[in-house]
Amino acid sequence: MNSILVLGQQLSDNPGGNLTPKQVEFARTIHGAGTDLLNLISDILDLSKIESGTVSVDAEEVAFAGLVETIGRPSATRPRTGGLVST
């Protein structure tokens, strides 16, 4: 998982300048999806700790700014690869 995140970040940085803007966008999507997956795994592990009684829960407010873009980025790429247009 860490290798995917590091490679995705390096590709999205495009230090050699040899990637097209579309390839950089794909690399950002890979990195973002990998980060989301890592966070999901972490959340599942946290939930298992809560269920076992080894951790307490502290409720707090969550900012939803940019949530639609973050969630929509991976799925917006998929239809374009099959010749479909995402709206």
C-alpha atoms as a PDB file:
ATOM      1  CA  MET A   1       0.000   0.000   0.000  1.00  0.00           C
ATOM      2  CA  ASN A   2       2.785   2.395   0.898  1.00  0.00           C
ATOM      3  CA  SER A   3       4.497   1.706  -2.430  1.00  0.00           C
ATOM      4  CA  ILE A   4       1.320   2.596  -4.326  1.00  0.00           C
ATOM      5  CA  LEU A   5       0.988   5.825  -2.370  1.00  0.00           C
ATOM      6  CA  VAL A   6       4.619   6.804  -2.893  1.00  0.00           C
ATOM      7  CA  LEU A   7       4.562   5.958  -6.596  1.00  0.00           C
ATOM      8  CA  GLY A   8       1.258   7.775  -7.119  1.00  0.00           C
ATOM      9  CA  GLN A   9       2.640  10.856  -5.371  1.00  0.00           C
ATOM     10  CA  GLN A  10       5.865  10.795  -7.384  1.00  0.00           C
ATOM     11  CA  LEU A  11       3.987  10.413 -10.652  1.00  0.00           C
ATOM     12  CA  SER A  12       1.565  13.216  -9.803  1.00  0.00           C
ATOM     13  CA  ASP A  13       4.505  15.511  -8.952  1.00  0.00           C
ATOM     14  CA  ASN A  14       5.847  14.793 -12.477  1.00  0.00           C
ATOM     15  CA  PRO A  15       9.415  15.953 -11.694  1.00  0.00           C
ATOM     16  CA  GLY A  16      10.665  15.071 -15.190  1.00  0.00           C
ATOM     17  CA  GLY A  17       7.796  16.888 -16.839  1.00  0.00           C
ATOM     18  CA  ASN A  18       7.300  13.945 -19.202  1.00  0.00           C
ATOM     19  CA  LEU A  19       3.668  13.126 -18.302  1.00  0.00           C
ATOM     20  CA  THR A  20       0.636  14.617 -19.991  1.00  0.00           C
ATOM     21  CA  PRO A  21      -1.855  16.533 -17.852  1.00  0.00           C
ATOM     22  CA  LYS A  22      -4.267  13.578 -18.169  1.00  0.00           C
ATOM     23  CA  GLN A  23      -1.583  11.167 -16.892  1.00  0.00           C
ATOM     24  CA  VAL A  24      -0.887  13.482 -13.947  1.00  0.00           C
ATOM     25  CA  GLU A  25      -4.631  13.536 -13.205  1.00  0.00           C
ATOM     26  CA  PHE A  26      -4.706   9.727 -13.258  1.00  0.00           C
ATOM     27  CA  ALA A  27      -1.704   9.599 -10.910  1.00  0.00           C
ATOM     28  CA  ARG A  28      -3.486  11.964  -8.507  1.00  0.00           C
ATOM     29  CA  THR A  29      -6.555   9.722  -8.677  1.00  0.00           C
ATOM     30  CA  ILE A  30      -4.426   6.655  -7.893  1.00  0.00           C
ATOM     31  CA  HIS A  31      -2.800   8.422  -4.967  1.00  0.00           C
ATOM     32  CA  GLY A  32      -6.116   9.755  -3.676  1.00  0.00           C
ATOM     33  CA  ALA A  33      -7.855   6.371  -3.968  1.00  0.00           C
ATOM     34  CA  GLY A  34      -4.936   4.674  -2.207  1.00  0.00           C
ATOM     35  CA  THR A  35      -5.065   7.238   0.581  1.00  0.00           C
ATOM     36  CA  ASP A  36      -8.822   6.754   0.897  1.00  0.00           C
ATOM     37  CA  LEU A  37      -8.362   2.978   1.079  1.00  0.00           C
ATOM     38  CA  LEU A  38      -5.676   3.322   3.741  1.00  0.00           C
ATOM     39  CA  ASN A  39      -7.974   5.608   5.760  1.00  0.00           C
ATOM     40  CA  LEU A  40     -10.838   3.129   5.372  1.00  0.00           C
ATOM     41  CA  ILE A  41      -8.658   0.289   6.649  1.00  0.00           C
ATOM     42  CA  SER A  42      -7.586   2.453   9.567  1.00  0.00           C
ATOM     43  CA  ASP A  43     -11.215   3.320  10.360  1.00  0.00           C
ATOM     44  CA  ILE A  44     -12.210  -0.362  10.277  1.00  0.00           C
ATOM     45  CA  LEU A  45      -9.376  -1.183  12.666  1.00  0.00           C
ATOM     46  CA  ASP A  46     -10.487   1.667  14.927  1.00  0.00           C
ATOM     47  CA  LEU A  47     -14.070   0.358  14.890  1.00  0.00           C
ATOM     48  CA  SER A  48     -12.861  -3.092  15.880  1.00  0.00           C
ATOM     49  CA  LYS A  49     -10.983  -1.526  18.808  1.00  0.00           C
ATOM     50  CA  ILE A  50     -14.137   0.343  19.846  1.00  0.00           C
ATOM     51  CA  GLU A  51     -16.232  -2.827  19.624  1.00  0.00           C
ATOM     52  CA  SER A  52     -13.723  -4.713  21.755  1.00  0.00           C
ATOM     53  CA  GLY A  53     -13.848  -1.941  24.377  1.00  0.00           C
ATOM     54  CA  THR A  54     -10.172  -0.984  24.134  1.00  0.00           C
ATOM     55  CA  VAL A  55     -10.853   2.564  22.826  1.00  0.00           C
ATOM     56  CA  SER A  56     -13.379   5.259  23.687  1.00  0.00           C
ATOM     57  CA  VAL A  57     -15.171   7.446  21.119  1.00  0.00           C
ATOM     58  CA  ASP A  58     -14.863  11.249  21.089  1.00  0.00           C
ATOM     59  CA  ALA A  59     -17.461  12.915  18.824  1.00  0.00           C
ATOM     60  CA  GLU A  60     -16.350  15.969  16.841  1.00  0.00           C
ATOM     61  CA  GLU A  61     -17.495  18.074  13.900  1.00  0.00           C
ATOM     62  CA  VAL A  62     -16.356  17.108  10.418  1.00  0.00           C
ATOM     63  CA  ALA A  63     -15.865  19.607   7.565  1.00  0.00           C
ATOM     64  CA  PHE A  64     -17.490  18.469   4.310  1.00  0.00           C
ATOM     65  CA  ALA A  65     -15.854  21.042   2.024  1.00  0.00           C
ATOM     66  CA  GLY A  66     -14.589  19.350  -1.110  1.00  0.00           C
ATOM     67  CA  LEU A  67     -16.288  16.061  -0.247  1.00  0.00           C
ATOM     68  CA  VAL A  68     -18.166  15.797  -3.555  1.00  0.00           C
ATOM     69  CA  GLU A  69     -14.981  16.334  -5.579  1.00  0.00           C
ATOM     70  CA  THR A  70     -13.015  13.859  -3.494  1.00  0.00           C
ATOM     71  CA  ILE A  71     -15.652  11.157  -3.775  1.00  0.00           C
ATOM     72  CA  GLY A  72     -16.387  11.833  -7.437  1.00  0.00           C
ATOM     73  CA  ARG A  73     -12.805  11.872  -8.731  1.00  0.00           C
ATOM     74  CA  PRO A  74     -12.205   8.086  -8.929  1.00  0.00           C
ATOM     75  CA  SER A  75     -15.614   7.355 -10.439  1.00  0.00           C
ATOM     76  CA  ALA A  76     -15.380  10.234 -12.941  1.00  0.00           C
ATOM     77  CA  THR A  77     -12.272   8.668 -14.471  1.00  0.00           C
ATOM     78  CA  ARG A  78     -13.812   5.232 -15.006  1.00  0.00           C
ATOM     79  CA  PRO A  79     -16.626   6.205 -17.466  1.00  0.00           C
ATOM     80  CA  ARG A  80     -14.203   8.135 -19.667  1.00  0.00           C
ATOM     81  CA  THR A  81     -12.027   5.066 -20.124  1.00  0.00           C
ATOM     82  CA  GLY A  82     -14.978   3.154 -21.568  1.00  0.00           C
ATOM     83  CA  GLY A  83     -16.034   5.910 -23.954  1.00  0.00           C
ATOM     84  CA  LEU A  84     -18.838   7.122 -21.666  1.00  0.00           C
ATOM     85  CA  VAL A  85     -19.253  10.678 -20.445  1.00  0.00           C
ATOM     86  CA  SER A  86     -19.797  11.360 -16.750  1.00  0.00           C
ATOM     87  CA  THR A  87     -22.235  14.183 -15.897  1.00  0.00           C
END
